[in-house]
């Protein structure tokens, strides 16, 4: 587990891997510019500042969520927001770590 994961609650891969095996949707909460520079294939880009307003849309997916970003900080915040609204979500940490799981 990396330092950022330890600080921001990244799963170190275990819980994220379990969620992915269950068909989780990957939500990348980085900016569109960061996302276009590289991302997990099939992931959805919903920047952190838009997560709260997209909760209904995310709930309609009816799937668990693995959130990712650059280091795990923003995805940790997004995970907390989603969980607060009853979405089953886990912080996958950095997108490259999540990418290694798919």
PDB file of N, CA and C in Angstrom:
ATOM      1  N   UNK A   1       0.864  -1.184   0.000  1.00  0.00           N
ATOM      2  CA  UNK A   1       0.000   0.000   0.000  1.00  0.00           C
ATOM      3  C   UNK A   1       0.900   1.234   0.000  1.00  0.00           C
ATOM      4  N   UNK A   2       0.621   2.177  -0.902  1.00  0.00           N
ATOM      5  CA  UNK A   2       1.424   3.381  -0.996  1.00  0.00           C
ATOM      6  C   UNK A   2       1.073   4.389   0.079  1.00  0.00           C
ATOM      7  N   UNK A   3       1.927   5.374   0.217  1.00  0.00           N
ATOM      8  CA  UNK A   3       1.718   6.418   1.219  1.00  0.00           C
ATOM      9  C   UNK A   3       0.393   7.137   1.010  1.00  0.00           C
ATOM     10  N   UNK A   4       0.079   7.500  -0.223  1.00  0.00           N
ATOM     11  CA  UNK A   4      -1.189   8.196  -0.484  1.00  0.00           C
ATOM     12  C   UNK A   4      -2.376   7.310  -0.140  1.00  0.00           C
ATOM     13  N   UNK A   5      -2.275   6.017  -0.464  1.00  0.00           N
ATOM     14  CA  UNK A   5      -3.358   5.106  -0.119  1.00  0.00           C
ATOM     15  C   UNK A   5      -3.533   5.024   1.386  1.00  0.00           C
ATOM     16  N   UNK A   6      -2.427   4.990   2.103  1.00  0.00           N
ATOM     17  CA  UNK A   6      -2.507   4.923   3.566  1.00  0.00           C
ATOM     18  C   UNK A   6      -3.153   6.188   4.134  1.00  0.00           C
ATOM     19  N   UNK A   7      -2.813   7.329   3.557  1.00  0.00           N
ATOM     20  CA  UNK A   7      -3.356   8.600   4.044  1.00  0.00           C
ATOM     21  C   UNK A   7      -4.822   8.773   3.643  1.00  0.00           C
ATOM     22  N   UNK A   8      -5.128   8.453   2.384  1.00  0.00           N
ATOM     23  CA  UNK A   8      -6.448   8.767   1.852  1.00  0.00           C
ATOM     24  C   UNK A   8      -7.396   7.569   1.787  1.00  0.00           C
ATOM     25  N   UNK A   9      -6.964   6.424   2.264  1.00  0.00           N
ATOM     26  CA  UNK A   9      -7.889   5.296   2.353  1.00  0.00           C
ATOM     27  C   UNK A   9      -7.988   4.441   1.119  1.00  0.00           C
ATOM     28  N   UNK A  10      -6.963   4.424   0.270  1.00  0.00           N
ATOM     29  CA  UNK A  10      -6.973   3.533  -0.883  1.00  0.00           C
ATOM     30  C   UNK A  10      -7.015   2.089  -0.418  1.00  0.00           C
ATOM     31  N   UNK A  11      -7.558   1.222  -1.226  1.00  0.00           N
ATOM     32  CA  UNK A  11      -7.779  -0.157  -0.811  1.00  0.00           C
ATOM     33  C   UNK A  11      -6.543  -1.017  -0.955  1.00  0.00           C
ATOM     34  N   UNK A  12      -5.504  -0.495  -1.604  1.00  0.00           N
ATOM     35  CA  UNK A  12      -4.349  -1.324  -1.857  1.00  0.00           C
ATOM     36  C   UNK A  12      -4.653  -2.420  -2.869  1.00  0.00           C
ATOM     37  N   UNK A  13      -5.771  -2.363  -3.520  1.00  0.00           N
ATOM     38  CA  UNK A  13      -6.119  -3.294  -4.571  1.00  0.00           C
ATOM     39  C   UNK A  13      -7.111  -4.365  -4.148  1.00  0.00           C
ATOM     40  N   UNK A  14      -7.078  -4.817  -2.895  1.00  0.00           N
ATOM     41  CA  UNK A  14      -7.924  -5.915  -2.455  1.00  0.00           C
ATOM     42  C   UNK A  14      -9.403  -5.664  -2.623  1.00  0.00           C
ATOM     43  N   UNK A  15      -9.892  -4.621  -2.005  1.00  0.00           N
ATOM     44  CA  UNK A  15     -11.325  -4.326  -2.074  1.00  0.00           C
ATOM     45  C   UNK A  15     -11.716  -3.883  -3.485  1.00  0.00           C
ATOM     46  N   UNK A  16     -10.852  -3.112  -4.139  1.00  0.00           N
ATOM     47  CA  UNK A  16     -11.150  -2.676  -5.511  1.00  0.00           C
ATOM     48  C   UNK A  16     -11.243  -3.886  -6.428  1.00  0.00           C
ATOM     49  N   UNK A  17     -10.338  -4.827  -6.272  1.00  0.00           N
ATOM     50  CA  UNK A  17     -10.354  -6.047  -7.098  1.00  0.00           C
ATOM     51  C   UNK A  17     -11.661  -6.821  -6.888  1.00  0.00           C
ATOM     52  N   UNK A  18     -12.069  -6.940  -5.636  1.00  0.00           N
ATOM     53  CA  UNK A  18     -13.331  -7.616  -5.317  1.00  0.00           C
ATOM     54  C   UNK A  18     -14.508  -6.904  -5.996  1.00  0.00           C
ATOM     55  N   UNK A  19     -14.535  -5.573  -5.911  1.00  0.00           N
ATOM     56  CA  UNK A  19     -15.611  -4.799  -6.531  1.00  0.00           C
ATOM     57  C   UNK A  19     -15.612  -5.013  -8.047  1.00  0.00           C
ATOM     58  N   UNK A  20     -14.429  -4.995  -8.662  1.00  0.00           N
ATOM     59  CA  UNK A  20     -14.332  -5.163 -10.114  1.00  0.00           C
ATOM     60  C   UNK A  20     -14.816  -6.549 -10.535  1.00  0.00           C
ATOM     61  N   UNK A  21     -14.508  -7.556  -9.731  1.00  0.00           N
ATOM     62  CA  UNK A  21     -14.980  -8.911 -10.017  1.00  0.00           C
ATOM     63  C   UNK A  21     -16.503  -8.989  -9.954  1.00  0.00           C
ATOM     64  N   UNK A  22     -17.107  -8.069  -9.207  1.00  0.00           N
ATOM     65  CA  UNK A  22     -18.565  -8.010  -9.088  1.00  0.00           C
ATOM     66  C   UNK A  22     -19.198  -7.094 -10.139  1.00  0.00           C
ATOM     67  N   UNK A  23     -18.397  -6.615 -11.083  1.00  0.00           N
ATOM     68  CA  UNK A  23     -18.936  -5.789 -12.168  1.00  0.00           C
ATOM     69  C   UNK A  23     -19.000  -4.307 -11.871  1.00  0.00           C
ATOM     70  N   UNK A  24     -18.171  -3.832 -10.970  1.00  0.00           N
ATOM     71  CA  UNK A  24     -18.179  -2.410 -10.598  1.00  0.00           C
ATOM     72  C   UNK A  24     -17.883  -1.510 -11.793  1.00  0.00           C
ATOM     73  N   UNK A  25     -18.449  -0.322 -11.741  1.00  0.00           N
ATOM     74  CA  UNK A  25     -18.124   0.724 -12.698  1.00  0.00           C
ATOM     75  C   UNK A  25     -16.949   1.507 -12.112  1.00  0.00           C
ATOM     76  N   UNK A  26     -16.005   1.872 -12.975  1.00  0.00           N
ATOM     77  CA  UNK A  26     -14.849   2.666 -12.550  1.00  0.00           C
ATOM     78  C   UNK A  26     -15.144   4.117 -12.884  1.00  0.00           C
ATOM     79  N   UNK A  27     -15.107   4.961 -11.855  1.00  0.00           N
ATOM     80  CA  UNK A  27     -15.319   6.397 -12.054  1.00  0.00           C
ATOM     81  C   UNK A  27     -14.014   7.114 -11.745  1.00  0.00           C
ATOM     82  N   UNK A  28     -13.487   7.787 -12.757  1.00  0.00           N
ATOM     83  CA  UNK A  28     -12.251   8.562 -12.644  1.00  0.00           C
ATOM     84  C   UNK A  28     -12.654   9.998 -12.337  1.00  0.00           C
ATOM     85  N   UNK A  29     -12.239  10.504 -11.195  1.00  0.00           N
ATOM     86  CA  UNK A  29     -12.704  11.821 -10.749  1.00  0.00           C
ATOM     87  C   UNK A  29     -11.715  12.947 -11.062  1.00  0.00           C
ATOM     88  N   UNK A  30     -10.765  12.677 -11.934  1.00  0.00           N
ATOM     89  CA  UNK A  30      -9.828  13.729 -12.360  1.00  0.00           C
ATOM     90  C   UNK A  30     -10.499  14.662 -13.370  1.00  0.00           C
ATOM     91  N   UNK A  31      -9.811  15.731 -13.707  1.00  0.00           N
ATOM     92  CA  UNK A  31     -10.331  16.678 -14.700  1.00  0.00           C
ATOM     93  C   UNK A  31     -10.350  16.011 -16.080  1.00  0.00           C
ATOM     94  N   UNK A  32     -11.186  16.519 -16.992  1.00  0.00           N
ATOM     95  CA  UNK A  32     -11.209  15.960 -18.349  1.00  0.00           C
ATOM     96  C   UNK A  32      -9.834  15.977 -19.021  1.00  0.00           C
ATOM     97  N   UNK A  33      -9.045  17.013 -18.760  1.00  0.00           N
ATOM     98  CA  UNK A  33      -7.706  17.091 -19.340  1.00  0.00           C
ATOM     99  C   UNK A  33      -6.800  15.977 -18.830  1.00  0.00           C
ATOM    100  N   UNK A  34      -6.856  15.727 -17.517  1.00  0.00           N
ATOM    101  CA  UNK A  34      -6.062  14.633 -16.951  1.00  0.00           C
ATOM    102  C   UNK A  34      -6.539  13.290 -17.513  1.00  0.00           C
ATOM    103  N   UNK A  35      -7.843  13.124 -17.581  1.00  0.00           N
ATOM    104  CA  UNK A  35      -8.444  11.887 -18.079  1.00  0.00           C
ATOM    105  C   UNK A  35      -7.999  11.607 -19.514  1.00  0.00           C
ATOM    106  N   UNK A  36      -7.978  12.647 -20.341  1.00  0.00           N
ATOM    107  CA  UNK A  36      -7.598  12.458 -21.743  1.00  0.00           C
ATOM    108  C   UNK A  36      -6.125  12.085 -21.892  1.00  0.00           C
ATOM    109  N   UNK A  37      -5.328  12.355 -20.864  1.00  0.00           N
ATOM    110  CA  UNK A  37      -3.911  11.999 -20.893  1.00  0.00           C
ATOM    111  C   UNK A  37      -3.650  10.538 -20.562  1.00  0.00           C
ATOM    112  N   UNK A  38      -4.679   9.807 -20.202  1.00  0.00           N
ATOM    113  CA  UNK A  38      -4.559   8.390 -19.866  1.00  0.00           C
ATOM    114  C   UNK A  38      -5.581   8.019 -18.819  1.00  0.00           C
ATOM    115  N   UNK A  39      -6.205   6.853 -18.990  1.00  0.00           N
ATOM    116  CA  UNK A  39      -7.237   6.408 -18.055  1.00  0.00           C
ATOM    117  C   UNK A  39      -7.471   4.908 -18.218  1.00  0.00           C
ATOM    118  N   UNK A  40      -8.218   4.345 -17.297  1.00  0.00           N
ATOM    119  CA  UNK A  40      -8.586   2.937 -17.375  1.00  0.00           C
ATOM    120  C   UNK A  40      -9.608   2.772 -18.491  1.00  0.00           C
ATOM    121  N   UNK A  41      -9.362   1.822 -19.382  1.00  0.00           N
ATOM    122  CA  UNK A  41     -10.291   1.566 -20.485  1.00  0.00           C
ATOM    123  C   UNK A  41     -11.674   1.249 -19.919  1.00  0.00           C
ATOM    124  N   UNK A  42     -12.683   1.936 -20.445  1.00  0.00           N
ATOM    125  CA  UNK A  42     -14.059   1.716 -20.011  1.00  0.00           C
ATOM    126  C   UNK A  42     -14.486   2.527 -18.799  1.00  0.00           C
ATOM    127  N   UNK A  43     -13.556   3.273 -18.210  1.00  0.00           N
ATOM    128  CA  UNK A  43     -13.915   4.082 -17.039  1.00  0.00           C
ATOM    129  C   UNK A  43     -14.714   5.303 -17.465  1.00  0.00           C
ATOM    130  N   UNK A  44     -15.467   5.848 -16.520  1.00  0.00           N
ATOM    131  CA  UNK A  44     -16.270   7.045 -16.767  1.00  0.00           C
ATOM    132  C   UNK A  44     -15.598   8.224 -16.073  1.00  0.00           C
ATOM    133  N   UNK A  45     -15.524   9.339 -16.755  1.00  0.00           N
ATOM    134  CA  UNK A  45     -14.904  10.534 -16.188  1.00  0.00           C
ATOM    135  C   UNK A  45     -15.981  11.449 -15.614  1.00  0.00           C
ATOM    136  N   UNK A  46     -16.016  11.518 -14.289  1.00  0.00           N
ATOM    137  CA  UNK A  46     -16.896  12.454 -13.593  1.00  0.00           C
ATOM    138  C   UNK A  46     -16.010  13.202 -12.595  1.00  0.00           C
ATOM    139  N   UNK A  47     -15.589  14.425 -12.936  1.00  0.00           N
ATOM    140  CA  UNK A  47     -14.697  15.167 -12.050  1.00  0.00           C
ATOM    141  C   UNK A  47     -15.279  15.305 -10.635  1.00  0.00           C
ATOM    142  N   UNK A  48     -14.385  15.323  -9.657  1.00  0.00           N
ATOM    143  CA  UNK A  48     -14.783  15.367  -8.248  1.00  0.00           C
ATOM    144  C   UNK A  48     -15.828  16.444  -7.982  1.00  0.00           C
ATOM    145  N   UNK A  49     -15.651  17.628  -8.537  1.00  0.00           N
ATOM    146  CA  UNK A  49     -16.580  18.720  -8.253  1.00  0.00           C
ATOM    147  C   UNK A  49     -17.985  18.446  -8.799  1.00  0.00           C
ATOM    148  N   UNK A  50     -18.143  17.435  -9.658  1.00  0.00           N
ATOM    149  CA  UNK A  50     -19.454  17.094 -10.226  1.00  0.00           C
ATOM    150  C   UNK A  50     -20.089  15.860  -9.592  1.00  0.00           C
ATOM    151  N   UNK A  51     -19.356  15.177  -8.731  1.00  0.00           N
ATOM    152  CA  UNK A  51     -19.842  13.905  -8.170  1.00  0.00           C
ATOM    153  C   UNK A  51     -21.185  14.077  -7.462  1.00  0.00           C
ATOM    154  N   UNK A  52     -21.279  15.060  -6.594  1.00  0.00           N
ATOM    155  CA  UNK A  52     -22.508  15.250  -5.811  1.00  0.00           C
ATOM    156  C   UNK A  52     -23.728  15.433  -6.726  1.00  0.00           C
ATOM    157  N   UNK A  53     -23.557  16.191  -7.795  1.00  0.00           N
ATOM    158  CA  UNK A  53     -24.686  16.438  -8.700  1.00  0.00           C
ATOM    159  C   UNK A  53     -24.992  15.246  -9.609  1.00  0.00           C
ATOM    160  N   UNK A  54     -24.112  14.262  -9.654  1.00  0.00           N
ATOM    161  CA  UNK A  54     -24.308  13.085 -10.510  1.00  0.00           C
ATOM    162  C   UNK A  54     -24.710  11.844  -9.714  1.00  0.00           C
ATOM    163  N   UNK A  55     -24.977  11.982  -8.417  1.00  0.00           N
ATOM    164  CA  UNK A  55     -25.294  10.824  -7.575  1.00  0.00           C
ATOM    165  C   UNK A  55     -26.487  10.044  -8.118  1.00  0.00           C
ATOM    166  N   UNK A  56     -27.554  10.735  -8.524  1.00  0.00           N
ATOM    167  CA  UNK A  56     -28.740  10.031  -9.042  1.00  0.00           C
ATOM    168  C   UNK A  56     -28.381   9.209 -10.276  1.00  0.00           C
ATOM    169  N   UNK A  57     -27.602   9.794 -11.164  1.00  0.00           N
ATOM    170  CA  UNK A  57     -27.160   9.111 -12.386  1.00  0.00           C
ATOM    171  C   UNK A  57     -26.299   7.886 -12.033  1.00  0.00           C
ATOM    172  N   UNK A  58     -25.432   8.043 -11.053  1.00  0.00           N
ATOM    173  CA  UNK A  58     -24.559   6.944 -10.625  1.00  0.00           C
ATOM    174  C   UNK A  58     -25.393   5.832  -9.985  1.00  0.00           C
ATOM    175  N   UNK A  59     -26.372   6.206  -9.176  1.00  0.00           N
ATOM    176  CA  UNK A  59     -27.239   5.200  -8.549  1.00  0.00           C
ATOM    177  C   UNK A  59     -28.015   4.399  -9.595  1.00  0.00           C
ATOM    178  N   UNK A  60     -28.406   5.040 -10.698  1.00  0.00           N
ATOM    179  CA  UNK A  60     -29.165   4.366 -11.757  1.00  0.00           C
ATOM    180  C   UNK A  60     -28.339   3.271 -12.437  1.00  0.00           C
ATOM    181  N   UNK A  61     -27.012   3.358 -12.346  1.00  0.00           N
ATOM    182  CA  UNK A  61     -26.148   2.325 -12.917  1.00  0.00           C
ATOM    183  C   UNK A  61     -26.339   0.998 -12.181  1.00  0.00           C
ATOM    184  N   UNK A  62     -26.792   1.086 -10.935  1.00  0.00           N
ATOM    185  CA  UNK A  62     -27.079  -0.092 -10.115  1.00  0.00           C
ATOM    186  C   UNK A  62     -25.882  -1.049 -10.034  1.00  0.00           C
ATOM    187  N   UNK A  63     -24.699  -0.471  -9.861  1.00  0.00           N
ATOM    188  CA  UNK A  63     -23.461  -1.243  -9.742  1.00  0.00           C
ATOM    189  C   UNK A  63     -22.602  -0.626  -8.650  1.00  0.00           C
ATOM    190  N   UNK A  64     -21.733  -1.448  -8.042  1.00  0.00           N
ATOM    191  CA  UNK A  64     -20.766  -0.849  -7.116  1.00  0.00           C
ATOM    192  C   UNK A  64     -19.817   0.052  -7.907  1.00  0.00           C
ATOM    193  N   UNK A  65     -19.129   0.934  -7.198  1.00  0.00           N
ATOM    194  CA  UNK A  65     -18.251   1.915  -7.832  1.00  0.00           C
ATOM    195  C   UNK A  65     -16.826   1.782  -7.284  1.00  0.00           C
ATOM    196  N   UNK A  66     -15.858   1.814  -8.192  1.00  0.00           N
ATOM    197  CA  UNK A  66     -14.452   1.963  -7.825  1.00  0.00           C
ATOM    198  C   UNK A  66     -14.058   3.355  -8.309  1.00  0.00           C
ATOM    199  N   UNK A  67     -13.735   4.237  -7.377  1.00  0.00           N
ATOM    200  CA  UNK A  67     -13.319   5.595  -7.726  1.00  0.00           C
ATOM    201  C   UNK A  67     -11.803   5.634  -7.842  1.00  0.00           C
ATOM    202  N   UNK A  68     -11.301   6.401  -8.802  1.00  0.00           N
ATOM    203  CA  UNK A  68      -9.862   6.564  -8.941  1.00  0.00           C
ATOM    204  C   UNK A  68      -9.548   7.986  -9.377  1.00  0.00           C
ATOM    205  N   UNK A  69      -8.295   8.366  -9.204  1.00  0.00           N
ATOM    206  CA  UNK A  69      -7.826   9.691  -9.629  1.00  0.00           C
ATOM    207  C   UNK A  69      -6.337   9.574  -9.947  1.00  0.00           C
ATOM    208  N   UNK A  70      -5.551  10.560  -9.566  1.00  0.00           N
ATOM    209  CA  UNK A  70      -4.110  10.494  -9.819  1.00  0.00           C
ATOM    210  C   UNK A  70      -3.378   9.774  -8.682  1.00  0.00           C
ATOM    211  N   UNK A  71      -3.746  10.083  -7.440  1.00  0.00           N
ATOM    212  CA  UNK A  71      -3.005   9.533  -6.297  1.00  0.00           C
ATOM    213  C   UNK A  71      -3.869   8.854  -5.247  1.00  0.00           C
ATOM    214  N   UNK A  72      -5.157   9.101  -5.271  1.00  0.00           N
ATOM    215  CA  UNK A  72      -6.056   8.531  -4.277  1.00  0.00           C
ATOM    216  C   UNK A  72      -6.737   9.566  -3.400  1.00  0.00           C
ATOM    217  N   UNK A  73      -6.285  10.803  -3.446  1.00  0.00           N
ATOM    218  CA  UNK A  73      -6.875  11.853  -2.616  1.00  0.00           C
ATOM    219  C   UNK A  73      -8.276  12.241  -3.039  1.00  0.00           C
ATOM    220  N   UNK A  74      -8.419  12.612  -4.305  1.00  0.00           N
ATOM    221  CA  UNK A  74      -9.738  13.015  -4.806  1.00  0.00           C
ATOM    222  C   UNK A  74     -10.703  11.834  -4.840  1.00  0.00           C
ATOM    223  N   UNK A  75     -10.191  10.651  -5.182  1.00  0.00           N
ATOM    224  CA  UNK A  75     -11.073   9.480  -5.220  1.00  0.00           C
ATOM    225  C   UNK A  75     -11.529   9.115  -3.812  1.00  0.00           C
ATOM    226  N   UNK A  76     -10.698   9.403  -2.809  1.00  0.00           N
ATOM    227  CA  UNK A  76     -11.114   9.188  -1.421  1.00  0.00           C
ATOM    228  C   UNK A  76     -12.269  10.106  -1.051  1.00  0.00           C
ATOM    229  N   UNK A  77     -12.189  11.356  -1.481  1.00  0.00           N
ATOM    230  CA  UNK A  77     -13.275  12.303  -1.226  1.00  0.00           C
ATOM    231  C   UNK A  77     -14.544  11.878  -1.959  1.00  0.00           C
ATOM    232  N   UNK A  78     -14.384  11.452  -3.212  1.00  0.00           N
ATOM    233  CA  UNK A  78     -15.541  11.019  -4.002  1.00  0.00           C
ATOM    234  C   UNK A  78     -16.196   9.800  -3.362  1.00  0.00           C
ATOM    235  N   UNK A  79     -15.386   8.873  -2.873  1.00  0.00           N
ATOM    236  CA  UNK A  79     -15.906   7.670  -2.218  1.00  0.00           C
ATOM    237  C   UNK A  79     -16.745   8.043  -1.004  1.00  0.00           C
ATOM    238  N   UNK A  80     -16.260   8.982  -0.212  1.00  0.00           N
ATOM    239  CA  UNK A  80     -17.014   9.423   0.966  1.00  0.00           C
ATOM    240  C   UNK A  80     -18.353  10.042   0.558  1.00  0.00           C
ATOM    241  N   UNK A  81     -18.349  10.862  -0.474  1.00  0.00           N
ATOM    242  CA  UNK A  81     -19.583  11.495  -0.954  1.00  0.00           C
ATOM    243  C   UNK A  81     -20.568  10.422  -1.417  1.00  0.00           C
ATOM    244  N   UNK A  82     -20.083   9.481  -2.210  1.00  0.00           N
ATOM    245  CA  UNK A  82     -20.961   8.435  -2.735  1.00  0.00           C
ATOM    246  C   UNK A  82     -21.526   7.564  -1.620  1.00  0.00           C
ATOM    247  N   UNK A  83     -20.672   7.180  -0.680  1.00  0.00           N
ATOM    248  CA  UNK A  83     -21.131   6.360   0.442  1.00  0.00           C
ATOM    249  C   UNK A  83     -22.179   7.098   1.269  1.00  0.00           C
ATOM    250  N   UNK A  84     -21.979   8.398   1.443  1.00  0.00           N
ATOM    251  CA  UNK A  84     -22.940   9.223   2.191  1.00  0.00           C
ATOM    252  C   UNK A  84     -24.326   9.177   1.553  1.00  0.00           C
ATOM    253  N   UNK A  85     -24.353   8.997   0.232  1.00  0.00           N
ATOM    254  CA  UNK A  85     -25.615   8.943  -0.508  1.00  0.00           C
ATOM    255  C   UNK A  85     -26.084   7.505  -0.760  1.00  0.00           C
ATOM    256  N   UNK A  86     -25.457   6.548  -0.070  1.00  0.00           N
ATOM    257  CA  UNK A  86     -25.906   5.163  -0.154  1.00  0.00           C
ATOM    258  C   UNK A  86     -25.375   4.365  -1.331  1.00  0.00           C
ATOM    259  N   UNK A  87     -24.359   4.881  -2.011  1.00  0.00           N
ATOM    260  CA  UNK A  87     -23.749   4.150  -3.120  1.00  0.00           C
ATOM    261  C   UNK A  87     -22.644   3.263  -2.553  1.00  0.00           C
ATOM    262  N   UNK A  88     -22.616   2.009  -2.975  1.00  0.00           N
ATOM    263  CA  UNK A  88     -21.552   1.092  -2.567  1.00  0.00           C
ATOM    264  C   UNK A  88     -20.303   1.475  -3.354  1.00  0.00           C
ATOM    265  N   UNK A  89     -19.332   2.085  -2.684  1.00  0.00           N
ATOM    266  CA  UNK A  89     -18.159   2.621  -3.365  1.00  0.00           C
ATOM    267  C   UNK A  89     -16.889   2.331  -2.575  1.00  0.00           C
ATOM    268  N   UNK A  90     -15.790   2.218  -3.303  1.00  0.00           N
ATOM    269  CA  UNK A  90     -14.477   2.007  -2.702  1.00  0.00           C
ATOM    270  C   UNK A  90     -13.475   2.913  -3.413  1.00  0.00           C
ATOM    271  N   UNK A  91     -12.477   3.366  -2.651  1.00  0.00           N
ATOM    272  CA  UNK A  91     -11.406   4.178  -3.214  1.00  0.00           C
ATOM    273  C   UNK A  91     -10.358   3.244  -3.808  1.00  0.00           C
ATOM    274  N   UNK A  92     -10.255   3.254  -5.128  1.00  0.00           N
ATOM    275  CA  UNK A  92      -9.256   2.432  -5.803  1.00  0.00           C
ATOM    276  C   UNK A  92      -7.884   3.068  -5.824  1.00  0.00           C
ATOM    277  N   UNK A  93      -7.783   4.344  -5.429  1.00  0.00           N
ATOM    278  CA  UNK A  93      -6.494   5.037  -5.439  1.00  0.00           C
ATOM    279  C   UNK A  93      -6.186   5.597  -6.809  1.00  0.00           C
ATOM    280  N   UNK A  94      -4.921   5.574  -7.162  1.00  0.00           N
ATOM    281  CA  UNK A  94      -4.485   6.095  -8.453  1.00  0.00           C
ATOM    282  C   UNK A  94      -4.995   5.247  -9.618  1.00  0.00           C
ATOM    283  N   UNK A  95      -5.298   5.901 -10.719  1.00  0.00           N
ATOM    284  CA  UNK A  95      -5.888   5.188 -11.871  1.00  0.00           C
ATOM    285  C   UNK A  95      -4.976   4.103 -12.407  1.00  0.00           C
ATOM    286  N   UNK A  96      -3.680   4.306 -12.302  1.00  0.00           N
ATOM    287  CA  UNK A  96      -2.749   3.291 -12.815  1.00  0.00           C
ATOM    288  C   UNK A  96      -2.794   2.027 -11.954  1.00  0.00           C
ATOM    289  N   UNK A  97      -3.046   2.181 -10.669  1.00  0.00           N
ATOM    290  CA  UNK A  97      -3.209   1.014  -9.806  1.00  0.00           C
ATOM    291  C   UNK A  97      -4.468   0.241 -10.175  1.00  0.00           C
ATOM    292  N   UNK A  98      -5.545   0.967 -10.444  1.00  0.00           N
ATOM    293  CA  UNK A  98      -6.795   0.328 -10.858  1.00  0.00           C
ATOM    294  C   UNK A  98      -6.600  -0.334 -12.218  1.00  0.00           C
ATOM    295  N   UNK A  99      -5.897   0.337 -13.092  1.00  0.00           N
ATOM    296  CA  UNK A  99      -5.647  -0.196 -14.434  1.00  0.00           C
ATOM    297  C   UNK A  99      -4.940  -1.551 -14.366  1.00  0.00           C
ATOM    298  N   UNK A 100      -4.068  -1.716 -13.387  1.00  0.00           N
ATOM    299  CA  UNK A 100      -3.333  -2.974 -13.226  1.00  0.00           C
ATOM    300  C   UNK A 100      -4.249  -4.115 -12.780  1.00  0.00           C
ATOM    301  N   UNK A 101      -5.449  -3.775 -12.273  1.00  0.00           N
ATOM    302  CA  UNK A 101      -6.387  -4.789 -11.785  1.00  0.00           C
ATOM    303  C   UNK A 101      -7.349  -5.272 -12.868  1.00  0.00           C
ATOM    304  N   UNK A 102      -7.448  -4.513 -13.960  1.00  0.00           N
ATOM    305  CA  UNK A 102      -8.422  -4.891 -14.997  1.00  0.00           C
ATOM    306  C   UNK A 102      -7.757  -5.634 -16.146  1.00  0.00           C
TER     307      UNK A 102
END
